[in-house]
């Protein structure tokens, strides 16, 4: 497996039991945002905590997937495409969850998938 330099782990990583991965990609294939809304519902209602994120820098063509820019109280705020893994511990179940919400990359798909597989293996 290649370098995982574009994978950023959070400081407090829970120990998950036999986790199941739930994946929701934003964009044209999200069917009216139903996949991401369902994934966000799991995270909100099952008390998920951010586990890791994939840095979008090398995976996206920012002329296709544009960052959002807003002017806020503290000046210009840029929101880049995000690709986040959230851990959900389910003590009353046999396994826990990892929920991944992100955008399909335009570049380096194999490396992007290697990052997802690496999180699952860890």
PDB file of N, CA and C in Angstrom:
ATOM      1  N   UNK A   1       0.844  -1.171   0.000  1.00  0.00           N
ATOM      2  CA  UNK A   1       0.000   0.000   0.000  1.00  0.00           C
ATOM      3  C   UNK A   1       0.894   1.240   0.000  1.00  0.00           C
ATOM      4  N   UNK A   2       0.455   2.269  -0.694  1.00  0.00           N
ATOM      5  CA  UNK A   2       1.257   3.475  -0.824  1.00  0.00           C
ATOM      6  C   UNK A   2       1.281   4.318   0.441  1.00  0.00           C
ATOM      7  N   UNK A   3       1.883   5.486   0.312  1.00  0.00           N
ATOM      8  CA  UNK A   3       2.003   6.414   1.422  1.00  0.00           C
ATOM      9  C   UNK A   3       0.630   6.939   1.834  1.00  0.00           C
ATOM     10  N   UNK A   4       0.446   7.122   3.116  1.00  0.00           N
ATOM     11  CA  UNK A   4      -0.826   7.633   3.640  1.00  0.00           C
ATOM     12  C   UNK A   4      -0.672   9.081   4.090  1.00  0.00           C
ATOM     13  N   UNK A   5       0.177   9.841   3.385  1.00  0.00           N
ATOM     14  CA  UNK A   5       0.465  11.211   3.785  1.00  0.00           C
ATOM     15  C   UNK A   5      -0.742  12.134   3.698  1.00  0.00           C
ATOM     16  N   UNK A   6      -1.789  11.744   2.986  1.00  0.00           N
ATOM     17  CA  UNK A   6      -2.968  12.600   2.850  1.00  0.00           C
ATOM     18  C   UNK A   6      -4.098  12.171   3.779  1.00  0.00           C
ATOM     19  N   UNK A   7      -3.773  11.295   4.733  1.00  0.00           N
ATOM     20  CA  UNK A   7      -4.746  10.844   5.713  1.00  0.00           C
ATOM     21  C   UNK A   7      -4.401  11.469   7.057  1.00  0.00           C
ATOM     22  N   UNK A   8      -5.331  12.222   7.605  1.00  0.00           N
ATOM     23  CA  UNK A   8      -5.116  12.914   8.878  1.00  0.00           C
ATOM     24  C   UNK A   8      -5.987  12.281   9.949  1.00  0.00           C
ATOM     25  N   UNK A   9      -5.341  11.693  10.971  1.00  0.00           N
ATOM     26  CA  UNK A   9      -6.048  11.065  12.084  1.00  0.00           C
ATOM     27  C   UNK A   9      -6.307  12.090  13.177  1.00  0.00           C
ATOM     28  N   UNK A  10      -7.417  11.971  13.858  1.00  0.00           N
ATOM     29  CA  UNK A  10      -7.715  12.822  15.000  1.00  0.00           C
ATOM     30  C   UNK A  10      -6.920  12.308  16.198  1.00  0.00           C
ATOM     31  N   UNK A  11      -6.816  13.120  17.236  1.00  0.00           N
ATOM     32  CA  UNK A  11      -6.001  12.740  18.395  1.00  0.00           C
ATOM     33  C   UNK A  11      -6.617  11.621  19.218  1.00  0.00           C
ATOM     34  N   UNK A  12      -7.903  11.698  19.486  1.00  0.00           N
ATOM     35  CA  UNK A  12      -8.571  10.692  20.314  1.00  0.00           C
ATOM     36  C   UNK A  12      -9.259   9.669  19.423  1.00  0.00           C
ATOM     37  N   UNK A  13      -8.601   8.531  19.258  1.00  0.00           N
ATOM     38  CA  UNK A  13      -9.135   7.481  18.392  1.00  0.00           C
ATOM     39  C   UNK A  13      -9.710   6.373  19.276  1.00  0.00           C
ATOM     40  N   UNK A  14     -11.004   6.122  19.161  1.00  0.00           N
ATOM     41  CA  UNK A  14     -11.588   5.052  19.977  1.00  0.00           C
ATOM     42  C   UNK A  14     -11.183   3.672  19.452  1.00  0.00           C
ATOM     43  N   UNK A  15     -11.251   2.682  20.309  1.00  0.00           N
ATOM     44  CA  UNK A  15     -11.032   1.299  19.897  1.00  0.00           C
ATOM     45  C   UNK A  15     -12.379   0.751  19.461  1.00  0.00           C
ATOM     46  N   UNK A  16     -12.492   0.454  18.182  1.00  0.00           N
ATOM     47  CA  UNK A  16     -13.756  -0.020  17.631  1.00  0.00           C
ATOM     48  C   UNK A  16     -13.763  -1.539  17.533  1.00  0.00           C
ATOM     49  N   UNK A  17     -14.928  -2.113  17.710  1.00  0.00           N
ATOM     50  CA  UNK A  17     -15.097  -3.564  17.655  1.00  0.00           C
ATOM     51  C   UNK A  17     -15.688  -3.968  16.312  1.00  0.00           C
ATOM     52  N   UNK A  18     -14.920  -4.694  15.510  1.00  0.00           N
ATOM     53  CA  UNK A  18     -15.375  -5.245  14.245  1.00  0.00           C
ATOM     54  C   UNK A  18     -16.241  -4.247  13.466  1.00  0.00           C
ATOM     55  N   UNK A  19     -15.715  -3.048  13.167  1.00  0.00           N
ATOM     56  CA  UNK A  19     -16.571  -1.998  12.595  1.00  0.00           C
ATOM     57  C   UNK A  19     -17.056  -2.303  11.176  1.00  0.00           C
ATOM     58  N   UNK A  20     -18.257  -1.822  10.910  1.00  0.00           N
ATOM     59  CA  UNK A  20     -18.854  -1.866   9.586  1.00  0.00           C
ATOM     60  C   UNK A  20     -18.693  -0.486   8.980  1.00  0.00           C
ATOM     61  N   UNK A  21     -18.306  -0.420   7.708  1.00  0.00           N
ATOM     62  CA  UNK A  21     -18.129   0.865   7.026  1.00  0.00           C
ATOM     63  C   UNK A  21     -19.398   1.221   6.266  1.00  0.00           C
ATOM     64  N   UNK A  22     -19.885   2.447   6.494  1.00  0.00           N
ATOM     65  CA  UNK A  22     -21.005   3.008   5.747  1.00  0.00           C
ATOM     66  C   UNK A  22     -20.422   4.165   4.939  1.00  0.00           C
ATOM     67  N   UNK A  23     -20.645   4.170   3.616  1.00  0.00           N
ATOM     68  CA  UNK A  23     -20.069   5.187   2.743  1.00  0.00           C
ATOM     69  C   UNK A  23     -21.179   5.974   2.052  1.00  0.00           C
ATOM     70  N   UNK A  24     -21.046   7.293   2.062  1.00  0.00           N
ATOM     71  CA  UNK A  24     -21.989   8.163   1.346  1.00  0.00           C
ATOM     72  C   UNK A  24     -21.181   9.177   0.555  1.00  0.00           C
ATOM     73  N   UNK A  25     -21.328   9.136  -0.766  1.00  0.00           N
ATOM     74  CA  UNK A  25     -20.654  10.102  -1.626  1.00  0.00           C
ATOM     75  C   UNK A  25     -21.618  11.218  -1.987  1.00  0.00           C
ATOM     76  N   UNK A  26     -21.139  12.458  -1.876  1.00  0.00           N
ATOM     77  CA  UNK A  26     -21.927  13.617  -2.280  1.00  0.00           C
ATOM     78  C   UNK A  26     -21.891  13.752  -3.797  1.00  0.00           C
ATOM     79  N   UNK A  27     -22.784  14.579  -4.322  1.00  0.00           N
ATOM     80  CA  UNK A  27     -22.738  14.896  -5.745  1.00  0.00           C
ATOM     81  C   UNK A  27     -23.857  14.259  -6.532  1.00  0.00           C
ATOM     82  N   UNK A  28     -23.610  14.084  -7.824  1.00  0.00           N
ATOM     83  CA  UNK A  28     -24.638  13.618  -8.750  1.00  0.00           C
ATOM     84  C   UNK A  28     -25.238  12.277  -8.356  1.00  0.00           C
ATOM     85  N   UNK A  29     -24.486  11.431  -7.681  1.00  0.00           N
ATOM     86  CA  UNK A  29     -24.966  10.087  -7.346  1.00  0.00           C
ATOM     87  C   UNK A  29     -25.612  10.007  -5.966  1.00  0.00           C
ATOM     88  N   UNK A  30     -25.868  11.152  -5.341  1.00  0.00           N
ATOM     89  CA  UNK A  30     -26.387  11.175  -3.975  1.00  0.00           C
ATOM     90  C   UNK A  30     -27.916  11.126  -3.932  1.00  0.00           C
ATOM     91  N   UNK A  31     -28.573  11.041  -5.051  1.00  0.00           N
ATOM     92  CA  UNK A  31     -30.031  10.886  -5.140  1.00  0.00           C
ATOM     93  C   UNK A  31     -30.764  11.849  -4.214  1.00  0.00           C
ATOM     94  N   UNK A  32     -30.639  13.125  -4.517  1.00  0.00           N
ATOM     95  CA  UNK A  32     -31.323  14.136  -3.713  1.00  0.00           C
ATOM     96  C   UNK A  32     -30.783  14.236  -2.304  1.00  0.00           C
ATOM     97  N   UNK A  33     -29.503  13.971  -2.150  1.00  0.00           N
ATOM     98  CA  UNK A  33     -28.798  14.011  -0.869  1.00  0.00           C
ATOM     99  C   UNK A  33     -29.304  12.957   0.120  1.00  0.00           C
ATOM    100  N   UNK A  34     -29.919  11.902  -0.375  1.00  0.00           N
ATOM    101  CA  UNK A  34     -30.445  10.875   0.527  1.00  0.00           C
ATOM    102  C   UNK A  34     -29.334  10.081   1.213  1.00  0.00           C
ATOM    103  N   UNK A  35     -28.265   9.764   0.499  1.00  0.00           N
ATOM    104  CA  UNK A  35     -27.162   9.002   1.106  1.00  0.00           C
ATOM    105  C   UNK A  35     -26.461   9.818   2.180  1.00  0.00           C
ATOM    106  N   UNK A  36     -26.113  11.054   1.858  1.00  0.00           N
ATOM    107  CA  UNK A  36     -25.403  11.871   2.853  1.00  0.00           C
ATOM    108  C   UNK A  36     -26.323  12.235   4.018  1.00  0.00           C
ATOM    109  N   UNK A  37     -27.605  12.469   3.755  1.00  0.00           N
ATOM    110  CA  UNK A  37     -28.541  12.782   4.847  1.00  0.00           C
ATOM    111  C   UNK A  37     -28.666  11.588   5.794  1.00  0.00           C
ATOM    112  N   UNK A  38     -28.729  10.372   5.243  1.00  0.00           N
ATOM    113  CA  UNK A  38     -28.810   9.176   6.084  1.00  0.00           C
ATOM    114  C   UNK A  38     -27.535   9.003   6.908  1.00  0.00           C
ATOM    115  N   UNK A  39     -26.380   9.225   6.286  1.00  0.00           N
ATOM    116  CA  UNK A  39     -25.104   9.103   6.997  1.00  0.00           C
ATOM    117  C   UNK A  39     -24.989  10.171   8.092  1.00  0.00           C
ATOM    118  N   UNK A  40     -25.395  11.398   7.780  1.00  0.00           N
ATOM    119  CA  UNK A  40     -25.364  12.471   8.781  1.00  0.00           C
ATOM    120  C   UNK A  40     -26.319  12.172   9.932  1.00  0.00           C
ATOM    121  N   UNK A  41     -27.457  11.554   9.628  1.00  0.00           N
ATOM    122  CA  UNK A  41     -28.419  11.167  10.666  1.00  0.00           C
ATOM    123  C   UNK A  41     -27.786  10.152  11.624  1.00  0.00           C
ATOM    124  N   UNK A  42     -27.086   9.151  11.071  1.00  0.00           N
ATOM    125  CA  UNK A  42     -26.395   8.176  11.915  1.00  0.00           C
ATOM    126  C   UNK A  42     -25.403   8.866  12.847  1.00  0.00           C
ATOM    127  N   UNK A  43     -24.600   9.765  12.287  1.00  0.00           N
ATOM    128  CA  UNK A  43     -23.573  10.460  13.061  1.00  0.00           C
ATOM    129  C   UNK A  43     -24.199  11.287  14.181  1.00  0.00           C
ATOM    130  N   UNK A  44     -25.253  12.041  13.845  1.00  0.00           N
ATOM    131  CA  UNK A  44     -25.913  12.908  14.830  1.00  0.00           C
ATOM    132  C   UNK A  44     -26.599  12.122  15.931  1.00  0.00           C
ATOM    133  N   UNK A  45     -27.375  11.122  15.552  1.00  0.00           N
ATOM    134  CA  UNK A  45     -28.222  10.434  16.517  1.00  0.00           C
ATOM    135  C   UNK A  45     -27.532   9.291  17.253  1.00  0.00           C
ATOM    136  N   UNK A  46     -26.369   8.876  16.770  1.00  0.00           N
ATOM    137  CA  UNK A  46     -25.625   7.824  17.459  1.00  0.00           C
ATOM    138  C   UNK A  46     -24.326   8.349  18.050  1.00  0.00           C
ATOM    139  N   UNK A  47     -24.229   9.662  18.162  1.00  0.00           N
ATOM    140  CA  UNK A  47     -23.115  10.326  18.846  1.00  0.00           C
ATOM    141  C   UNK A  47     -21.747   9.953  18.268  1.00  0.00           C
ATOM    142  N   UNK A  48     -21.587  10.194  16.979  1.00  0.00           N
ATOM    143  CA  UNK A  48     -20.321   9.899  16.320  1.00  0.00           C
ATOM    144  C   UNK A  48     -19.239  10.913  16.650  1.00  0.00           C
ATOM    145  N   UNK A  49     -17.986  10.484  16.532  1.00  0.00           N
ATOM    146  CA  UNK A  49     -16.848  11.391  16.741  1.00  0.00           C
ATOM    147  C   UNK A  49     -15.896  11.268  15.550  1.00  0.00           C
ATOM    148  N   UNK A  50     -15.389  12.407  15.115  1.00  0.00           N
ATOM    149  CA  UNK A  50     -14.503  12.439  13.957  1.00  0.00           C
ATOM    150  C   UNK A  50     -13.287  11.558  14.206  1.00  0.00           C
ATOM    151  N   UNK A  51     -13.007  10.671  13.269  1.00  0.00           N
ATOM    152  CA  UNK A  51     -11.924   9.699  13.390  1.00  0.00           C
ATOM    153  C   UNK A  51     -10.723  10.106  12.541  1.00  0.00           C
ATOM    154  N   UNK A  52     -10.980  10.443  11.271  1.00  0.00           N
ATOM    155  CA  UNK A  52      -9.903  10.787  10.339  1.00  0.00           C
ATOM    156  C   UNK A  52     -10.504  11.526   9.154  1.00  0.00           C
ATOM    157  N   UNK A  53      -9.626  12.154   8.370  1.00  0.00           N
ATOM    158  CA  UNK A  53     -10.081  12.814   7.154  1.00  0.00           C
ATOM    159  C   UNK A  53      -9.017  12.675   6.074  1.00  0.00           C
ATOM    160  N   UNK A  54      -9.478  12.654   4.847  1.00  0.00           N
ATOM    161  CA  UNK A  54      -8.570  12.605   3.700  1.00  0.00           C
ATOM    162  C   UNK A  54      -8.420  14.026   3.184  1.00  0.00           C
ATOM    163  N   UNK A  55      -7.189  14.503   3.099  1.00  0.00           N
ATOM    164  CA  UNK A  55      -6.896  15.835   2.565  1.00  0.00           C
ATOM    165  C   UNK A  55      -7.255  15.841   1.080  1.00  0.00           C
ATOM    166  N   UNK A  56      -8.076  16.786   0.632  1.00  0.00           N
ATOM    167  CA  UNK A  56      -8.538  16.771  -0.756  1.00  0.00           C
ATOM    168  C   UNK A  56      -7.502  17.232  -1.788  1.00  0.00           C
ATOM    169  N   UNK A  57      -6.388  17.778  -1.363  1.00  0.00           N
ATOM    170  CA  UNK A  57      -5.444  18.462  -2.252  1.00  0.00           C
ATOM    171  C   UNK A  57      -5.096  17.708  -3.532  1.00  0.00           C
ATOM    172  N   UNK A  58      -4.752  16.424  -3.433  1.00  0.00           N
ATOM    173  CA  UNK A  58      -4.286  15.703  -4.626  1.00  0.00           C
ATOM    174  C   UNK A  58      -5.373  14.892  -5.325  1.00  0.00           C
ATOM    175  N   UNK A  59      -6.579  14.868  -4.758  1.00  0.00           N
ATOM    176  CA  UNK A  59      -7.631  14.009  -5.286  1.00  0.00           C
ATOM    177  C   UNK A  59      -8.694  14.751  -6.087  1.00  0.00           C
ATOM    178  N   UNK A  60      -8.665  16.077  -6.039  1.00  0.00           N
ATOM    179  CA  UNK A  60      -9.730  16.843  -6.678  1.00  0.00           C
ATOM    180  C   UNK A  60      -9.183  17.866  -7.653  1.00  0.00           C
ATOM    181  N   UNK A  61      -9.895  18.025  -8.740  1.00  0.00           N
ATOM    182  CA  UNK A  61      -9.653  19.101  -9.685  1.00  0.00           C
ATOM    183  C   UNK A  61     -10.564  20.233  -9.224  1.00  0.00           C
ATOM    184  N   UNK A  62      -9.987  21.248  -8.627  1.00  0.00           N
ATOM    185  CA  UNK A  62     -10.777  22.309  -8.010  1.00  0.00           C
ATOM    186  C   UNK A  62     -11.464  23.218  -9.024  1.00  0.00           C
ATOM    187  N   UNK A  63     -11.272  22.953 -10.330  1.00  0.00           N
ATOM    188  CA  UNK A  63     -12.100  23.639 -11.317  1.00  0.00           C
ATOM    189  C   UNK A  63     -13.409  22.871 -11.511  1.00  0.00           C
ATOM    190  N   UNK A  64     -13.435  21.591 -11.099  1.00  0.00           N
ATOM    191  CA  UNK A  64     -14.642  20.755 -11.162  1.00  0.00           C
ATOM    192  C   UNK A  64     -15.382  20.744  -9.827  1.00  0.00           C
ATOM    193  N   UNK A  65     -14.649  20.518  -8.757  1.00  0.00           N
ATOM    194  CA  UNK A  65     -15.208  20.512  -7.401  1.00  0.00           C
ATOM    195  C   UNK A  65     -14.679  21.758  -6.717  1.00  0.00           C
ATOM    196  N   UNK A  66     -15.430  22.797  -6.795  1.00  0.00           N
ATOM    197  CA  UNK A  66     -14.967  24.091  -6.288  1.00  0.00           C
ATOM    198  C   UNK A  66     -15.141  24.205  -4.786  1.00  0.00           C
ATOM    199  N   UNK A  67     -14.164  24.831  -4.121  1.00  0.00           N
ATOM    200  CA  UNK A  67     -14.355  25.133  -2.700  1.00  0.00           C
ATOM    201  C   UNK A  67     -15.385  26.252  -2.561  1.00  0.00           C
ATOM    202  N   UNK A  68     -16.068  26.283  -1.431  1.00  0.00           N
ATOM    203  CA  UNK A  68     -17.011  27.361  -1.150  1.00  0.00           C
ATOM    204  C   UNK A  68     -16.295  28.471  -0.400  1.00  0.00           C
ATOM    205  N   UNK A  69     -16.571  29.712  -0.789  1.00  0.00           N
ATOM    206  CA  UNK A  69     -15.961  30.866  -0.129  1.00  0.00           C
ATOM    207  C   UNK A  69     -17.086  31.737   0.418  1.00  0.00           C
ATOM    208  N   UNK A  70     -16.971  32.076   1.700  1.00  0.00           N
ATOM    209  CA  UNK A  70     -17.939  32.967   2.343  1.00  0.00           C
ATOM    210  C   UNK A  70     -17.191  34.051   3.087  1.00  0.00           C
ATOM    211  N   UNK A  71     -17.817  35.195   3.162  1.00  0.00           N
ATOM    212  CA  UNK A  71     -17.269  36.277   3.969  1.00  0.00           C
ATOM    213  C   UNK A  71     -17.972  36.214   5.321  1.00  0.00           C
ATOM    214  N   UNK A  72     -17.216  35.938   6.361  1.00  0.00           N
ATOM    215  CA  UNK A  72     -17.765  35.824   7.710  1.00  0.00           C
ATOM    216  C   UNK A  72     -17.255  36.932   8.607  1.00  0.00           C
ATOM    217  N   UNK A  73     -17.547  36.808   9.879  1.00  0.00           N
ATOM    218  CA  UNK A  73     -17.130  37.808  10.864  1.00  0.00           C
ATOM    219  C   UNK A  73     -15.609  37.953  10.935  1.00  0.00           C
ATOM    220  N   UNK A  74     -14.907  36.868  10.655  1.00  0.00           N
ATOM    221  CA  UNK A  74     -13.441  36.884  10.736  1.00  0.00           C
ATOM    222  C   UNK A  74     -12.782  36.950   9.368  1.00  0.00           C
ATOM    223  N   UNK A  75     -13.513  37.432   8.381  1.00  0.00           N
ATOM    224  CA  UNK A  75     -12.956  37.563   7.037  1.00  0.00           C
ATOM    225  C   UNK A  75     -13.398  36.438   6.133  1.00  0.00           C
ATOM    226  N   UNK A  76     -12.616  36.191   5.122  1.00  0.00           N
ATOM    227  CA  UNK A  76     -12.940  35.179   4.121  1.00  0.00           C
ATOM    228  C   UNK A  76     -12.735  33.781   4.692  1.00  0.00           C
ATOM    229  N   UNK A  77     -13.733  32.927   4.501  1.00  0.00           N
ATOM    230  CA  UNK A  77     -13.666  31.544   4.958  1.00  0.00           C
ATOM    231  C   UNK A  77     -13.787  30.627   3.740  1.00  0.00           C
ATOM    232  N   UNK A  78     -12.827  29.723   3.576  1.00  0.00           N
ATOM    233  CA  UNK A  78     -12.830  28.790   2.455  1.00  0.00           C
ATOM    234  C   UNK A  78     -13.148  27.397   2.989  1.00  0.00           C
ATOM    235  N   UNK A  79     -14.161  26.768   2.421  1.00  0.00           N
ATOM    236  CA  UNK A  79     -14.521  25.393   2.774  1.00  0.00           C
ATOM    237  C   UNK A  79     -14.147  24.489   1.606  1.00  0.00           C
ATOM    238  N   UNK A  80     -13.143  23.655   1.814  1.00  0.00           N
ATOM    239  CA  UNK A  80     -12.680  22.729   0.788  1.00  0.00           C
ATOM    240  C   UNK A  80     -13.548  21.484   0.802  1.00  0.00           C
ATOM    241  N   UNK A  81     -13.570  20.728  -0.288  1.00  0.00           N
ATOM    242  CA  UNK A  81     -14.320  19.470  -0.273  1.00  0.00           C
ATOM    243  C   UNK A  81     -13.809  18.603   0.886  1.00  0.00           C
ATOM    244  N   UNK A  82     -14.731  18.007   1.619  1.00  0.00           N
ATOM    245  CA  UNK A  82     -14.279  17.221   2.766  1.00  0.00           C
ATOM    246  C   UNK A  82     -14.553  15.741   2.559  1.00  0.00           C
ATOM    247  N   UNK A  83     -13.743  14.937   3.197  1.00  0.00           N
ATOM    248  CA  UNK A  83     -13.818  13.480   3.139  1.00  0.00           C
ATOM    249  C   UNK A  83     -13.525  12.989   4.549  1.00  0.00           C
ATOM    250  N   UNK A  84     -14.580  12.751   5.315  1.00  0.00           N
ATOM    251  CA  UNK A  84     -14.418  12.496   6.740  1.00  0.00           C
ATOM    252  C   UNK A  84     -14.915  11.118   7.153  1.00  0.00           C
ATOM    253  N   UNK A  85     -14.151  10.509   8.055  1.00  0.00           N
ATOM    254  CA  UNK A  85     -14.521   9.250   8.689  1.00  0.00           C
ATOM    255  C   UNK A  85     -14.976   9.573  10.102  1.00  0.00           C
ATOM    256  N   UNK A  86     -16.125   9.056  10.483  1.00  0.00           N
ATOM    257  CA  UNK A  86     -16.640   9.258  11.829  1.00  0.00           C
ATOM    258  C   UNK A  86     -16.807   7.895  12.491  1.00  0.00           C
ATOM    259  N   UNK A  87     -16.335   7.787  13.724  1.00  0.00           N
ATOM    260  CA  UNK A  87     -16.465   6.552  14.497  1.00  0.00           C
ATOM    261  C   UNK A  87     -17.739   6.622  15.320  1.00  0.00           C
ATOM    262  N   UNK A  88     -18.480   5.531  15.326  1.00  0.00           N
ATOM    263  CA  UNK A  88     -19.688   5.435  16.143  1.00  0.00           C
ATOM    264  C   UNK A  88     -19.592   4.140  16.953  1.00  0.00           C
ATOM    265  N   UNK A  89     -19.489   4.304  18.256  1.00  0.00           N
ATOM    266  CA  UNK A  89     -19.435   3.144  19.143  1.00  0.00           C
ATOM    267  C   UNK A  89     -20.859   2.731  19.503  1.00  0.00           C
ATOM    268  N   UNK A  90     -21.135   1.436  19.375  1.00  0.00           N
ATOM    269  CA  UNK A  90     -22.460   0.885  19.658  1.00  0.00           C
ATOM    270  C   UNK A  90     -22.319  -0.215  20.713  1.00  0.00           C
ATOM    271  N   UNK A  91     -22.229   0.160  21.985  1.00  0.00           N
ATOM    272  CA  UNK A  91     -21.938  -0.816  23.042  1.00  0.00           C
ATOM    273  C   UNK A  91     -22.975  -1.933  23.163  1.00  0.00           C
ATOM    274  N   UNK A  92     -24.211  -1.693  22.741  1.00  0.00           N
ATOM    275  CA  UNK A  92     -25.249  -2.723  22.847  1.00  0.00           C
ATOM    276  C   UNK A  92     -25.341  -3.599  21.592  1.00  0.00           C
ATOM    277  N   UNK A  93     -24.408  -3.432  20.651  1.00  0.00           N
ATOM    278  CA  UNK A  93     -24.365  -4.230  19.423  1.00  0.00           C
ATOM    279  C   UNK A  93     -23.068  -5.037  19.370  1.00  0.00           C
ATOM    280  N   UNK A  94     -22.988  -5.962  18.405  1.00  0.00           N
ATOM    281  CA  UNK A  94     -21.788  -6.795  18.258  1.00  0.00           C
ATOM    282  C   UNK A  94     -20.645  -6.078  17.554  1.00  0.00           C
ATOM    283  N   UNK A  95     -20.970  -4.991  16.842  1.00  0.00           N
ATOM    284  CA  UNK A  95     -19.924  -4.253  16.137  1.00  0.00           C
ATOM    285  C   UNK A  95     -20.256  -2.770  16.134  1.00  0.00           C
ATOM    286  N   UNK A  96     -19.233  -1.976  15.869  1.00  0.00           N
ATOM    287  CA  UNK A  96     -19.366  -0.526  15.807  1.00  0.00           C
ATOM    288  C   UNK A  96     -19.437  -0.100  14.342  1.00  0.00           C
ATOM    289  N   UNK A  97     -19.542   1.215  14.104  1.00  0.00           N
ATOM    290  CA  UNK A  97     -19.629   1.748  12.750  1.00  0.00           C
ATOM    291  C   UNK A  97     -18.516   2.739  12.467  1.00  0.00           C
ATOM    292  N   UNK A  98     -18.119   2.805  11.218  1.00  0.00           N
ATOM    293  CA  UNK A  98     -17.335   3.911  10.689  1.00  0.00           C
ATOM    294  C   UNK A  98     -18.167   4.471   9.544  1.00  0.00           C
ATOM    295  N   UNK A  99     -18.482   5.761   9.611  1.00  0.00           N
ATOM    296  CA  UNK A  99     -19.269   6.406   8.563  1.00  0.00           C
ATOM    297  C   UNK A  99     -18.337   7.328   7.790  1.00  0.00           C
ATOM    298  N   UNK A 100     -18.288   7.144   6.478  1.00  0.00           N
ATOM    299  CA  UNK A 100     -17.462   7.988   5.616  1.00  0.00           C
ATOM    300  C   UNK A 100     -18.371   8.829   4.737  1.00  0.00           C
ATOM    301  N   UNK A 101     -18.206  10.149   4.803  1.00  0.00           N
ATOM    302  CA  UNK A 101     -18.917  11.058   3.912  1.00  0.00           C
ATOM    303  C   UNK A 101     -17.867  11.836   3.127  1.00  0.00           C
ATOM    304  N   UNK A 102     -18.006  11.845   1.819  1.00  0.00           N
ATOM    305  CA  UNK A 102     -17.041  12.555   0.995  1.00  0.00           C
ATOM    306  C   UNK A 102     -17.566  12.756  -0.410  1.00  0.00           C
ATOM    307  N   UNK A 103     -16.726  13.337  -1.216  1.00  0.00           N
ATOM    308  CA  UNK A 103     -17.035  13.549  -2.626  1.00  0.00           C
ATOM    309  C   UNK A 103     -16.169  12.591  -3.438  1.00  0.00           C
ATOM    310  N   UNK A 104     -16.717  12.098  -4.543  1.00  0.00           N
ATOM    311  CA  UNK A 104     -15.908  11.249  -5.414  1.00  0.00           C
ATOM    312  C   UNK A 104     -14.777  12.076  -5.989  1.00  0.00           C
ATOM    313  N   UNK A 105     -13.552  11.565  -5.922  1.00  0.00           N
ATOM    314  CA  UNK A 105     -12.427  12.333  -6.449  1.00  0.00           C
ATOM    315  C   UNK A 105     -12.392  12.322  -7.974  1.00  0.00           C
ATOM    316  N   UNK A 106     -11.741  13.321  -8.552  1.00  0.00           N
ATOM    317  CA  UNK A 106     -11.513  13.319  -9.998  1.00  0.00           C
ATOM    318  C   UNK A 106     -10.148  12.723 -10.338  1.00  0.00           C
ATOM    319  N   UNK A 107      -9.254  12.679  -9.359  1.00  0.00           N
ATOM    320  CA  UNK A 107      -7.873  12.264  -9.584  1.00  0.00           C
ATOM    321  C   UNK A 107      -7.464  11.169  -8.594  1.00  0.00           C
ATOM    322  N   UNK A 108      -6.551  10.321  -9.001  1.00  0.00           N
ATOM    323  CA  UNK A 108      -5.898   9.329  -8.157  1.00  0.00           C
ATOM    324  C   UNK A 108      -6.873   8.456  -7.367  1.00  0.00           C
ATOM    325  N   UNK A 109      -7.827   7.880  -8.082  1.00  0.00           N
ATOM    326  CA  UNK A 109      -8.828   7.028  -7.442  1.00  0.00           C
ATOM    327  C   UNK A 109      -8.207   5.884  -6.647  1.00  0.00           C
ATOM    328  N   UNK A 110      -7.228   5.207  -7.204  1.00  0.00           N
ATOM    329  CA  UNK A 110      -6.631   4.055  -6.497  1.00  0.00           C
ATOM    330  C   UNK A 110      -6.014   4.477  -5.175  1.00  0.00           C
ATOM    331  N   UNK A 111      -5.314   5.596  -5.170  1.00  0.00           N
ATOM    332  CA  UNK A 111      -4.702   6.089  -3.935  1.00  0.00           C
ATOM    333  C   UNK A 111      -5.776   6.501  -2.938  1.00  0.00           C
ATOM    334  N   UNK A 112      -6.822   7.128  -3.429  1.00  0.00           N
ATOM    335  CA  UNK A 112      -7.951   7.536  -2.589  1.00  0.00           C
ATOM    336  C   UNK A 112      -8.572   6.306  -1.905  1.00  0.00           C
ATOM    337  N   UNK A 113      -8.815   5.252  -2.675  1.00  0.00           N
ATOM    338  CA  UNK A 113      -9.385   4.020  -2.126  1.00  0.00           C
ATOM    339  C   UNK A 113      -8.418   3.364  -1.148  1.00  0.00           C
ATOM    340  N   UNK A 114      -7.119   3.420  -1.421  1.00  0.00           N
ATOM    341  CA  UNK A 114      -6.134   2.882  -0.481  1.00  0.00           C
ATOM    342  C   UNK A 114      -6.240   3.573   0.868  1.00  0.00           C
ATOM    343  N   UNK A 115      -6.520   4.879   0.872  1.00  0.00           N
ATOM    344  CA  UNK A 115      -6.690   5.614   2.128  1.00  0.00           C
ATOM    345  C   UNK A 115      -7.917   5.101   2.880  1.00  0.00           C
ATOM    346  N   UNK A 116      -9.005   4.848   2.159  1.00  0.00           N
ATOM    347  CA  UNK A 116     -10.216   4.328   2.797  1.00  0.00           C
ATOM    348  C   UNK A 116      -9.949   2.943   3.381  1.00  0.00           C
ATOM    349  N   UNK A 117      -9.299   2.079   2.620  1.00  0.00           N
ATOM    350  CA  UNK A 117      -8.985   0.730   3.082  1.00  0.00           C
ATOM    351  C   UNK A 117      -8.061   0.798   4.301  1.00  0.00           C
ATOM    352  N   UNK A 118      -7.114   1.692   4.292  1.00  0.00           N
ATOM    353  CA  UNK A 118      -6.185   1.832   5.422  1.00  0.00           C
ATOM    354  C   UNK A 118      -6.928   2.166   6.720  1.00  0.00           C
ATOM    355  N   UNK A 119      -7.906   3.069   6.626  1.00  0.00           N
ATOM    356  CA  UNK A 119      -8.692   3.400   7.827  1.00  0.00           C
ATOM    357  C   UNK A 119      -9.425   2.157   8.331  1.00  0.00           C
ATOM    358  N   UNK A 120     -10.014   1.409   7.434  1.00  0.00           N
ATOM    359  CA  UNK A 120     -10.738   0.191   7.833  1.00  0.00           C
ATOM    360  C   UNK A 120      -9.785  -0.794   8.517  1.00  0.00           C
ATOM    361  N   UNK A 121      -8.609  -0.986   7.942  1.00  0.00           N
ATOM    362  CA  UNK A 121      -7.652  -1.936   8.501  1.00  0.00           C
ATOM    363  C   UNK A 121      -7.123  -1.498   9.859  1.00  0.00           C
ATOM    364  N   UNK A 122      -6.939  -0.207  10.039  1.00  0.00           N
ATOM    365  CA  UNK A 122      -6.438   0.298  11.320  1.00  0.00           C
ATOM    366  C   UNK A 122      -7.474   0.120  12.395  1.00  0.00           C
TER     367      UNK A 122
END
